Amino acid sequence: MTVIDIGGGFRPSGAMRPAIHLIGLPTDVNSSFERGAAKGPAAIRAALVSDRGNSASESGLELGTDIDLVDCGDLPLTDLDVEGDDRAIAAAVARAPLPILLGGDHAITYPVVAALVARHGPLNILHFDAHPDLYADFEGNPRSHASPFARIFEGGHAKRLVQVGIRTLNRHCREQADKYGVEILPMADFHASHVPVLDGPLYISVDLDGIDPSEAPGVAHPEPGGLRLREVLAAIHRQTAPIVGADIVELNPARDIGDITAILAAKLVRELAARIALNHEGESR
């Protein structure tokens, strides 16, 4: 099988499974504390193609032979016109049958989900994070990376939102969660078996600060007491519904140590791509 390298990604010419499109969204204009997440997509790609690892997922499926992963490169976002950047993100997602988005800050999830809803209708969302990101607005910015899920609910884009790993729930976000009926699985007494198996269409959003900083230090808002990667993968592997998209956000390479967060994020790309492929294959049978 011929493997075609596209912008650092992989595309097998004879793959039978549906193509999964990798799209970088290098923007951090809506970050509230420290910028740097715009450099995340490049760091994840570098780890994804590095000879330090290989292309295999834990399911046995491999990028380039079993999984048709098309790297579409980074969108040329401006960080000067948020509405214009949102339109560009929506247009790119509309062209990608099964996208995995590389952030960037978590604000990108709102235009991505809105674009997918135009195709699939309201989504069930599985969200890994230290923070609920439900602020009505944060520091006067309604498009803050602390607010995407409030915007998603206002737009009627979510049927169900399950948040995993939360350990910074303040009064305002607790009220927002009650308002929108968000299901929060806090870290206290957490076990991966507590994560429900969601119906489709399913979207998965991974904020890397949901993972404990001992495993993922390269984030702007590290929060001790977090998820282990094994717990995240166990929760993802429980999902059997069609996954219509996913994102991995908030990698700040300037805060990384020996690229370990980027390497972890690259593993998540492989595992999410494999789960998307397997679930869609199961649906077609």
C-alpha atoms as a PDB file:
ATOM      1  CA  MET A   1       0.000   0.000   0.000  1.00  0.00           C
ATOM      2  CA  THR A   2       1.342   3.420  -0.943  1.00  0.00           C
ATOM      3  CA  VAL A   3       1.474   5.938   1.861  1.00  0.00           C
ATOM      4  CA  ILE A   4       1.135   9.540   0.765  1.00  0.00           C
ATOM      5  CA  ASP A   5       2.584  12.156   3.129  1.00  0.00           C
ATOM      6  CA  ILE A   6       0.339  15.234   3.257  1.00  0.00           C
ATOM      7  CA  GLY A   7       1.676  18.083   5.334  1.00  0.00           C
ATOM      8  CA  GLY A   8       3.111  15.766   7.965  1.00  0.00           C
ATOM      9  CA  GLY A   9       0.117  13.418   8.034  1.00  0.00           C
ATOM     10  CA  PHE A  10      -0.650  10.078   6.462  1.00  0.00           C
ATOM     11  CA  ARG A  11      -3.047   9.011   3.744  1.00  0.00           C
ATOM     12  CA  PRO A  12      -3.065   5.426   2.511  1.00  0.00           C
ATOM     13  CA  SER A  13      -4.176   5.295  -1.119  1.00  0.00           C
ATOM     14  CA  GLY A  14      -6.182   2.100  -0.744  1.00  0.00           C
ATOM     15  CA  ALA A  15      -7.824   2.547   2.671  1.00  0.00           C
ATOM     16  CA  MET A  16     -11.321   1.115   3.016  1.00  0.00           C
ATOM     17  CA  ARG A  17     -12.353   3.044   6.117  1.00  0.00           C
ATOM     18  CA  PRO A  18     -13.685   6.615   5.845  1.00  0.00           C
ATOM     19  CA  ALA A  19     -11.068   9.365   5.746  1.00  0.00           C
ATOM     20  CA  ILE A  20     -10.418  11.273   8.958  1.00  0.00           C
ATOM     21  CA  HIS A  21      -9.229  14.847   8.448  1.00  0.00           C
ATOM     22  CA  LEU A  22      -6.682  16.411  10.797  1.00  0.00           C
ATOM     23  CA  ILE A  23      -7.064  20.209  10.926  1.00  0.00           C
ATOM     24  CA  GLY A  24      -4.870  22.570  12.922  1.00  0.00           C
ATOM     25  CA  LEU A  25      -6.482  25.639  14.462  1.00  0.00           C
ATOM     26  CA  PRO A  26      -3.537  27.794  15.623  1.00  0.00           C
ATOM     27  CA  THR A  27      -5.393  30.419  17.631  1.00  0.00           C
ATOM     28  CA  ASP A  28      -5.179  31.516  21.254  1.00  0.00           C
ATOM     29  CA  VAL A  29      -6.724  34.976  21.056  1.00  0.00           C
ATOM     30  CA  ASN A  30      -9.460  33.882  23.477  1.00  0.00           C
ATOM     31  CA  SER A  31      -7.048  32.583  26.108  1.00  0.00           C
ATOM     32  CA  SER A  32      -7.632  34.272  29.442  1.00  0.00           C
ATOM     33  CA  PHE A  33      -4.315  33.949  31.266  1.00  0.00           C
ATOM     34  CA  GLU A  34      -1.414  33.121  29.013  1.00  0.00           C
ATOM     35  CA  ARG A  35      -1.134  32.791  25.260  1.00  0.00           C
ATOM     36  CA  GLY A  36       0.884  30.082  23.554  1.00  0.00           C
ATOM     37  CA  ALA A  37      -1.700  27.458  22.611  1.00  0.00           C
ATOM     38  CA  ALA A  38      -1.579  28.670  18.986  1.00  0.00           C
ATOM     39  CA  LYS A  39       1.697  26.749  18.692  1.00  0.00           C
ATOM     40  CA  GLY A  40       0.017  23.542  19.828  1.00  0.00           C
ATOM     41  CA  PRO A  41      -0.905  22.072  16.407  1.00  0.00           C
ATOM     42  CA  ALA A  42       2.687  22.185  15.154  1.00  0.00           C
ATOM     43  CA  ALA A  43       3.988  20.520  18.316  1.00  0.00           C
ATOM     44  CA  ILE A  44       1.390  17.738  18.116  1.00  0.00           C
ATOM     45  CA  ARG A  45       2.176  17.086  14.459  1.00  0.00           C
ATOM     46  CA  ALA A  46       5.893  16.918  15.180  1.00  0.00           C
ATOM     47  CA  ALA A  47       5.266  14.314  17.861  1.00  0.00           C
ATOM     48  CA  LEU A  48       2.852  12.415  15.621  1.00  0.00           C
ATOM     49  CA  VAL A  49       5.431  11.868  12.862  1.00  0.00           C
ATOM     50  CA  SER A  50       8.499  11.577  15.083  1.00  0.00           C
ATOM     51  CA  ASP A  51      10.617   8.433  14.912  1.00  0.00           C
ATOM     52  CA  ARG A  52      10.418   8.335  18.699  1.00  0.00           C
ATOM     53  CA  GLY A  53       7.144   6.426  18.301  1.00  0.00           C
ATOM     54  CA  ASN A  54       5.173   4.650  15.622  1.00  0.00           C
ATOM     55  CA  SER A  55       1.781   4.803  13.944  1.00  0.00           C
ATOM     56  CA  ALA A  56      -0.007   2.052  15.885  1.00  0.00           C
ATOM     57  CA  SER A  57      -3.006   2.571  18.131  1.00  0.00           C
ATOM     58  CA  GLU A  58      -3.776   0.284  21.055  1.00  0.00           C
ATOM     59  CA  SER A  59      -6.622  -1.278  19.061  1.00  0.00           C
ATOM     60  CA  GLY A  60      -4.082  -2.569  16.545  1.00  0.00           C
ATOM     61  CA  LEU A  61      -5.146  -0.174  13.796  1.00  0.00           C
ATOM     62  CA  GLU A  62      -2.290   1.829  12.326  1.00  0.00           C
ATOM     63  CA  LEU A  63      -2.166   5.234  10.712  1.00  0.00           C
ATOM     64  CA  GLY A  64      -1.275   4.873   7.077  1.00  0.00           C
ATOM     65  CA  THR A  65      -2.357   1.254   6.669  1.00  0.00           C
ATOM     66  CA  ASP A  66      -5.657   0.826   8.504  1.00  0.00           C
ATOM     67  CA  ILE A  67      -6.637   4.438   9.186  1.00  0.00           C
ATOM     68  CA  ASP A  68      -6.921   7.021   6.426  1.00  0.00           C
ATOM     69  CA  LEU A  69      -5.737  10.148   8.267  1.00  0.00           C
ATOM     70  CA  VAL A  70      -5.502  13.167   5.973  1.00  0.00           C
ATOM     71  CA  ASP A  71      -3.519  16.087   7.347  1.00  0.00           C
ATOM     72  CA  CYS A  72      -5.156  19.251   6.038  1.00  0.00           C
ATOM     73  CA  GLY A  73      -2.570  21.520   7.632  1.00  0.00           C
ATOM     74  CA  ASP A  74      -3.326  24.607   9.703  1.00  0.00           C
ATOM     75  CA  LEU A  75      -6.041  27.092   8.874  1.00  0.00           C
ATOM     76  CA  PRO A  76      -4.644  30.588   8.278  1.00  0.00           C
ATOM     77  CA  LEU A  77      -6.473  32.164  11.198  1.00  0.00           C
ATOM     78  CA  THR A  78      -5.874  35.839  11.894  1.00  0.00           C
ATOM     79  CA  ASP A  79      -6.598  36.220  15.635  1.00  0.00           C
ATOM     80  CA  LEU A  80      -7.750  39.720  14.645  1.00  0.00           C
ATOM     81  CA  ASP A  81     -11.296  38.929  13.531  1.00  0.00           C
ATOM     82  CA  VAL A  82     -12.845  36.252  15.767  1.00  0.00           C
ATOM     83  CA  GLU A  83     -16.079  36.091  13.760  1.00  0.00           C
ATOM     84  CA  GLY A  84     -14.115  35.766  10.525  1.00  0.00           C
ATOM     85  CA  ASP A  85     -11.945  33.033  12.037  1.00  0.00           C
ATOM     86  CA  ASP A  86     -15.083  31.240  13.246  1.00  0.00           C
ATOM     87  CA  ARG A  87     -16.452  31.282   9.701  1.00  0.00           C
ATOM     88  CA  ALA A  88     -13.179  29.875   8.375  1.00  0.00           C
ATOM     89  CA  ILE A  89     -13.246  27.111  10.993  1.00  0.00           C
ATOM     90  CA  ALA A  90     -16.866  26.263  10.166  1.00  0.00           C
ATOM     91  CA  ALA A  91     -16.091  26.122   6.448  1.00  0.00           C
ATOM     92  CA  ALA A  92     -13.126  23.790   7.004  1.00  0.00           C
ATOM     93  CA  VAL A  93     -15.174  21.488   9.212  1.00  0.00           C
ATOM     94  CA  ALA A  94     -17.966  21.453   6.631  1.00  0.00           C
ATOM     95  CA  ARG A  95     -15.462  20.100   4.073  1.00  0.00           C
ATOM     96  CA  ALA A  96     -14.179  17.374   6.408  1.00  0.00           C
ATOM     97  CA  PRO A  97     -16.423  14.308   6.794  1.00  0.00           C
ATOM     98  CA  LEU A  98     -14.778  13.207  10.072  1.00  0.00           C
ATOM     99  CA  PRO A  99     -12.544  15.918  11.557  1.00  0.00           C
ATOM    100  CA  ILE A 100     -10.048  15.840  14.399  1.00  0.00           C
ATOM    101  CA  LEU A 101      -9.159  19.414  15.343  1.00  0.00           C
ATOM    102  CA  LEU A 102      -5.869  20.414  16.935  1.00  0.00           C
ATOM    103  CA  GLY A 103      -6.084  23.527  19.073  1.00  0.00           C
ATOM    104  CA  GLY A 104      -5.440  26.211  19.871  1.00  0.00           C
ATOM    105  CA  ASP A 105      -7.395  27.206  22.911  1.00  0.00           C
ATOM    106  CA  HIS A 106     -10.726  25.667  23.887  1.00  0.00           C
ATOM    107  CA  ALA A 107     -12.737  28.481  22.320  1.00  0.00           C
ATOM    108  CA  ILE A 108     -12.408  26.635  18.981  1.00  0.00           C
ATOM    109  CA  THR A 109     -14.874  23.965  20.128  1.00  0.00           C
ATOM    110  CA  TYR A 110     -17.855  26.286  19.704  1.00  0.00           C
ATOM    111  CA  PRO A 111     -17.556  26.970  15.926  1.00  0.00           C
ATOM    112  CA  VAL A 112     -16.515  23.351  15.312  1.00  0.00           C
ATOM    113  CA  VAL A 113     -19.583  21.955  17.063  1.00  0.00           C
ATOM    114  CA  ALA A 114     -21.868  24.500  15.401  1.00  0.00           C
ATOM    115  CA  ALA A 115     -20.599  23.391  11.984  1.00  0.00           C
ATOM    116  CA  LEU A 116     -21.065  19.714  12.795  1.00  0.00           C
ATOM    117  CA  VAL A 117     -24.594  20.345  14.066  1.00  0.00           C
ATOM    118  CA  ALA A 118     -25.484  21.842  10.678  1.00  0.00           C
ATOM    119  CA  ARG A 119     -24.677  18.400   9.208  1.00  0.00           C
ATOM    120  CA  HIS A 120     -25.743  15.984  11.946  1.00  0.00           C
ATOM    121  CA  GLY A 121     -28.161  17.839  14.204  1.00  0.00           C
ATOM    122  CA  PRO A 122     -27.542  18.335  17.952  1.00  0.00           C
ATOM    123  CA  LEU A 123     -24.686  16.286  19.377  1.00  0.00           C
ATOM    124  CA  ASN A 124     -23.894  14.319  22.479  1.00  0.00           C
ATOM    125  CA  ILE A 125     -20.577  15.615  23.810  1.00  0.00           C
ATOM    126  CA  LEU A 126     -17.977  13.882  25.972  1.00  0.00           C
ATOM    127  CA  HIS A 127     -15.678  16.526  27.434  1.00  0.00           C
ATOM    128  CA  PHE A 128     -12.443  15.961  29.391  1.00  0.00           C
ATOM    129  CA  ASP A 129     -11.212  18.989  31.332  1.00  0.00           C
ATOM    130  CA  ALA A 130     -10.130  20.378  34.680  1.00  0.00           C
ATOM    131  CA  HIS A 131     -12.616  23.223  34.135  1.00  0.00           C
ATOM    132  CA  PRO A 132     -16.272  23.167  33.025  1.00  0.00           C
ATOM    133  CA  ASP A 133     -15.863  26.078  30.558  1.00  0.00           C
ATOM    134  CA  LEU A 134     -19.446  27.180  31.173  1.00  0.00           C
ATOM    135  CA  TYR A 135     -18.984  30.856  32.017  1.00  0.00           C
ATOM    136  CA  ALA A 136     -21.682  33.136  30.644  1.00  0.00           C
ATOM    137  CA  ASP A 137     -18.636  35.206  29.751  1.00  0.00           C
ATOM    138  CA  PHE A 138     -15.197  35.429  31.268  1.00  0.00           C
ATOM    139  CA  GLU A 139     -13.572  38.782  31.943  1.00  0.00           C
ATOM    140  CA  GLY A 140     -16.069  40.381  29.579  1.00  0.00           C
ATOM    141  CA  ASN A 141     -15.347  38.003  26.691  1.00  0.00           C
ATOM    142  CA  PRO A 142     -18.278  35.739  25.748  1.00  0.00           C
ATOM    143  CA  ARG A 143     -16.005  33.854  23.316  1.00  0.00           C
ATOM    144  CA  SER A 144     -13.423  33.117  26.004  1.00  0.00           C
ATOM    145  CA  HIS A 145     -11.904  29.661  26.179  1.00  0.00           C
ATOM    146  CA  ALA A 146     -13.712  29.510  29.539  1.00  0.00           C
ATOM    147  CA  SER A 147     -17.114  29.842  27.808  1.00  0.00           C
ATOM    148  CA  PRO A 148     -17.481  27.535  24.764  1.00  0.00           C
ATOM    149  CA  PHE A 149     -20.044  25.203  26.280  1.00  0.00           C
ATOM    150  CA  ALA A 150     -22.294  28.082  27.335  1.00  0.00           C
ATOM    151  CA  ARG A 151     -22.293  29.223  23.695  1.00  0.00           C
ATOM    152  CA  ILE A 152     -22.954  25.645  22.536  1.00  0.00           C
ATOM    153  CA  PHE A 153     -26.010  25.339  24.778  1.00  0.00           C
ATOM    154  CA  GLU A 154     -27.295  28.785  23.811  1.00  0.00           C
ATOM    155  CA  GLY A 155     -27.190  27.657  20.191  1.00  0.00           C
ATOM    156  CA  GLY A 156     -29.123  24.464  20.955  1.00  0.00           C
ATOM    157  CA  HIS A 157     -26.170  22.403  19.717  1.00  0.00           C
ATOM    158  CA  ALA A 158     -25.910  19.834  22.530  1.00  0.00           C
ATOM    159  CA  LYS A 159     -28.376  17.099  23.397  1.00  0.00           C
ATOM    160  CA  ARG A 160     -26.214  15.933  26.280  1.00  0.00           C
ATOM    161  CA  LEU A 161     -22.911  17.100  27.746  1.00  0.00           C
ATOM    162  CA  VAL A 162     -20.913  14.814  30.025  1.00  0.00           C
ATOM    163  CA  GLN A 163     -17.867  16.461  31.610  1.00  0.00           C
ATOM    164  CA  VAL A 164     -15.091  14.287  33.015  1.00  0.00           C
ATOM    165  CA  GLY A 165     -12.229  15.300  35.295  1.00  0.00           C
ATOM    166  CA  ILE A 166     -13.697  18.565  36.606  1.00  0.00           C
ATOM    167  CA  ARG A 167     -11.988  19.817  39.748  1.00  0.00           C
ATOM    168  CA  THR A 168     -12.475  23.624  39.686  1.00  0.00           C
ATOM    169  CA  LEU A 169     -16.256  24.020  39.841  1.00  0.00           C
ATOM    170  CA  ASN A 170     -17.094  27.455  41.261  1.00  0.00           C
ATOM    171  CA  ARG A 171     -20.531  28.772  42.159  1.00  0.00           C
ATOM    172  CA  HIS A 172     -21.214  30.469  38.825  1.00  0.00           C
ATOM    173  CA  CYS A 173     -20.300  27.411  36.761  1.00  0.00           C
ATOM    174  CA  ARG A 174     -22.300  25.164  39.091  1.00  0.00           C
ATOM    175  CA  GLU A 175     -25.326  27.371  38.425  1.00  0.00           C
ATOM    176  CA  GLN A 176     -24.633  27.227  34.690  1.00  0.00           C
ATOM    177  CA  ALA A 177     -24.368  23.436  34.847  1.00  0.00           C
ATOM    178  CA  ASP A 178     -27.712  23.239  36.618  1.00  0.00           C
ATOM    179  CA  LYS A 179     -29.253  25.626  34.097  1.00  0.00           C
ATOM    180  CA  TYR A 180     -28.191  23.534  31.098  1.00  0.00           C
ATOM    181  CA  GLY A 181     -28.492  20.076  32.656  1.00  0.00           C
ATOM    182  CA  VAL A 182     -24.780  19.289  32.331  1.00  0.00           C
ATOM    183  CA  GLU A 183     -23.654  15.924  33.752  1.00  0.00           C
ATOM    184  CA  ILE A 184     -20.423  16.464  35.661  1.00  0.00           C
ATOM    185  CA  LEU A 185     -18.187  13.604  36.804  1.00  0.00           C
ATOM    186  CA  PRO A 186     -15.776  15.252  39.259  1.00  0.00           C
ATOM    187  CA  MET A 187     -12.375  13.800  40.047  1.00  0.00           C
ATOM    188  CA  ALA A 188     -13.332  12.935  43.615  1.00  0.00           C
ATOM    189  CA  ASP A 189     -13.953   9.157  43.673  1.00  0.00           C
ATOM    190  CA  PHE A 190     -13.672   9.033  39.872  1.00  0.00           C
ATOM    191  CA  HIS A 191     -13.441   5.765  37.979  1.00  0.00           C
ATOM    192  CA  ALA A 192     -13.545   5.356  34.203  1.00  0.00           C
ATOM    193  CA  SER A 193     -16.478   2.961  34.547  1.00  0.00           C
ATOM    194  CA  HIS A 194     -18.562   5.914  35.769  1.00  0.00           C
ATOM    195  CA  VAL A 195     -18.414   7.485  32.298  1.00  0.00           C
ATOM    196  CA  PRO A 196     -21.636   6.670  30.438  1.00  0.00           C
ATOM    197  CA  VAL A 197     -21.706   5.124  26.985  1.00  0.00           C
ATOM    198  CA  LEU A 198     -23.250   7.916  24.927  1.00  0.00           C
ATOM    199  CA  ASP A 199     -25.499   7.709  21.896  1.00  0.00           C
ATOM    200  CA  GLY A 200     -24.516   9.274  18.598  1.00  0.00           C
ATOM    201  CA  PRO A 201     -23.862  11.548  16.981  1.00  0.00           C
ATOM    202  CA  LEU A 202     -20.981  11.882  19.439  1.00  0.00           C
ATOM    203  CA  TYR A 203     -18.318  14.577  19.733  1.00  0.00           C
ATOM    204  CA  ILE A 204     -15.258  14.217  21.990  1.00  0.00           C
ATOM    205  CA  SER A 205     -13.371  17.247  23.328  1.00  0.00           C
ATOM    206  CA  VAL A 206     -10.083  16.789  25.203  1.00  0.00           C
ATOM    207  CA  ASP A 207      -8.628  19.771  27.040  1.00  0.00           C
ATOM    208  CA  LEU A 208      -5.152  18.619  27.976  1.00  0.00           C
ATOM    209  CA  ASP A 209      -5.339  20.305  31.378  1.00  0.00           C
ATOM    210  CA  GLY A 210      -7.947  17.690  32.277  1.00  0.00           C
ATOM    211  CA  ILE A 211      -5.014  15.298  32.552  1.00  0.00           C
ATOM    212  CA  ASP A 212      -2.878  15.531  35.667  1.00  0.00           C
ATOM    213  CA  PRO A 213       0.085  17.904  35.237  1.00  0.00           C
ATOM    214  CA  SER A 214       2.453  15.078  36.175  1.00  0.00           C
ATOM    215  CA  GLU A 215       1.580  13.571  32.768  1.00  0.00           C
ATOM    216  CA  ALA A 216       0.663  16.733  30.842  1.00  0.00           C
ATOM    217  CA  PRO A 217       2.561  19.752  32.184  1.00  0.00           C
ATOM    218  CA  GLY A 218       2.439  21.709  28.907  1.00  0.00           C
ATOM    219  CA  VAL A 219      -0.717  23.720  29.581  1.00  0.00           C
ATOM    220  CA  ALA A 220      -1.405  27.271  30.725  1.00  0.00           C
ATOM    221  CA  HIS A 221      -3.764  26.246  33.549  1.00  0.00           C
ATOM    222  CA  PRO A 222      -2.303  23.164  35.276  1.00  0.00           C
ATOM    223  CA  GLU A 223      -4.584  21.799  37.988  1.00  0.00           C
ATOM    224  CA  PRO A 224      -3.295  19.069  40.338  1.00  0.00           C
ATOM    225  CA  GLY A 225      -5.305  15.961  41.074  1.00  0.00           C
ATOM    226  CA  GLY A 226      -6.343  15.216  37.508  1.00  0.00           C
ATOM    227  CA  LEU A 227      -7.049  12.331  35.194  1.00  0.00           C
ATOM    228  CA  ARG A 228      -4.452   9.823  34.127  1.00  0.00           C
ATOM    229  CA  LEU A 229      -4.132   9.182  30.426  1.00  0.00           C
ATOM    230  CA  ARG A 230      -5.155   5.568  31.031  1.00  0.00           C
ATOM    231  CA  GLU A 231      -8.454   6.793  32.509  1.00  0.00           C
ATOM    232  CA  VAL A 232      -9.089   9.068  29.521  1.00  0.00           C
ATOM    233  CA  LEU A 233      -8.390   6.234  27.095  1.00  0.00           C
ATOM    234  CA  ALA A 234     -10.595   3.828  29.051  1.00  0.00           C
ATOM    235  CA  ALA A 235     -13.484   6.301  28.866  1.00  0.00           C
ATOM    236  CA  ILE A 236     -12.945   6.852  25.124  1.00  0.00           C
ATOM    237  CA  HIS A 237     -12.670   3.122  24.434  1.00  0.00           C
ATOM    238  CA  ARG A 238     -16.032   2.592  26.158  1.00  0.00           C
ATOM    239  CA  GLN A 239     -17.775   4.626  23.457  1.00  0.00           C
ATOM    240  CA  THR A 240     -19.484   2.637  20.701  1.00  0.00           C
ATOM    241  CA  ALA A 241     -21.593   5.292  18.941  1.00  0.00           C
ATOM    242  CA  PRO A 242     -20.588   7.013  15.694  1.00  0.00           C
ATOM    243  CA  ILE A 243     -18.095   9.774  16.533  1.00  0.00           C
ATOM    244  CA  VAL A 244     -18.539  12.700  14.147  1.00  0.00           C
ATOM    245  CA  GLY A 245     -15.582  14.750  15.342  1.00  0.00           C
ATOM    246  CA  ALA A 246     -13.104  15.405  18.133  1.00  0.00           C
ATOM    247  CA  ASP A 247     -10.676  18.020  19.328  1.00  0.00           C
ATOM    248  CA  ILE A 248      -7.492  18.147  21.393  1.00  0.00           C
ATOM    249  CA  VAL A 249      -6.860  21.626  22.783  1.00  0.00           C
ATOM    250  CA  GLU A 250      -4.797  23.831  25.094  1.00  0.00           C
ATOM    251  CA  LEU A 251      -1.291  22.459  24.507  1.00  0.00           C
ATOM    252  CA  ASN A 252       1.154  25.256  25.305  1.00  0.00           C
ATOM    253  CA  PRO A 253       4.554  24.072  24.049  1.00  0.00           C
ATOM    254  CA  ALA A 254       6.387  26.798  25.978  1.00  0.00           C
ATOM    255  CA  ARG A 255       5.307  25.107  29.201  1.00  0.00           C
ATOM    256  CA  ASP A 256       6.000  21.559  28.078  1.00  0.00           C
ATOM    257  CA  ILE A 257       8.842  19.469  29.512  1.00  0.00           C
ATOM    258  CA  GLY A 258      10.732  17.300  27.046  1.00  0.00           C
ATOM    259  CA  ASP A 259       7.721  17.375  24.694  1.00  0.00           C
ATOM    260  CA  ILE A 260       5.888  14.856  26.890  1.00  0.00           C
ATOM    261  CA  THR A 261       2.542  16.670  26.601  1.00  0.00           C
ATOM    262  CA  ALA A 262       2.887  16.868  22.821  1.00  0.00           C
ATOM    263  CA  ILE A 263       3.719  13.139  22.715  1.00  0.00           C
ATOM    264  CA  LEU A 264       0.667  12.419  24.873  1.00  0.00           C
ATOM    265  CA  ALA A 265      -1.496  14.538  22.547  1.00  0.00           C
ATOM    266  CA  ALA A 266      -0.160  12.648  19.520  1.00  0.00           C
ATOM    267  CA  LYS A 267      -1.143   9.373  21.183  1.00  0.00           C
ATOM    268  CA  LEU A 268      -4.624  10.802  21.673  1.00  0.00           C
ATOM    269  CA  VAL A 269      -4.778  11.591  17.940  1.00  0.00           C
ATOM    270  CA  ARG A 270      -3.981   7.950  17.154  1.00  0.00           C
ATOM    271  CA  GLU A 271      -6.444   6.574  19.682  1.00  0.00           C
ATOM    272  CA  LEU A 272      -9.263   8.932  18.675  1.00  0.00           C
ATOM    273  CA  ALA A 273      -8.687   8.204  14.987  1.00  0.00           C
ATOM    274  CA  ALA A 274      -8.824   4.464  15.684  1.00  0.00           C
ATOM    275  CA  ARG A 275     -11.992   4.781  17.767  1.00  0.00           C
ATOM    276  CA  ILE A 276     -13.660   6.894  15.070  1.00  0.00           C
ATOM    277  CA  ALA A 277     -12.719   4.331  12.425  1.00  0.00           C
ATOM    278  CA  LEU A 278     -13.854   1.346  14.496  1.00  0.00           C
ATOM    279  CA  ASN A 279     -17.159   2.893  15.511  1.00  0.00           C
ATOM    280  CA  HIS A 280     -18.020   3.883  11.964  1.00  0.00           C
ATOM    281  CA  GLU A 281     -17.056   0.439  10.749  1.00  0.00           C
ATOM    282  CA  GLY A 282     -19.349  -1.099  13.366  1.00  0.00           C
ATOM    283  CA  GLU A 283     -22.194   1.193  12.302  1.00  0.00           C
ATOM    284  CA  SER A 284     -21.877   0.124   8.660  1.00  0.00           C
ATOM    285  CA  ARG A 285     -22.222  -3.591   9.448  1.00  0.00           C
END
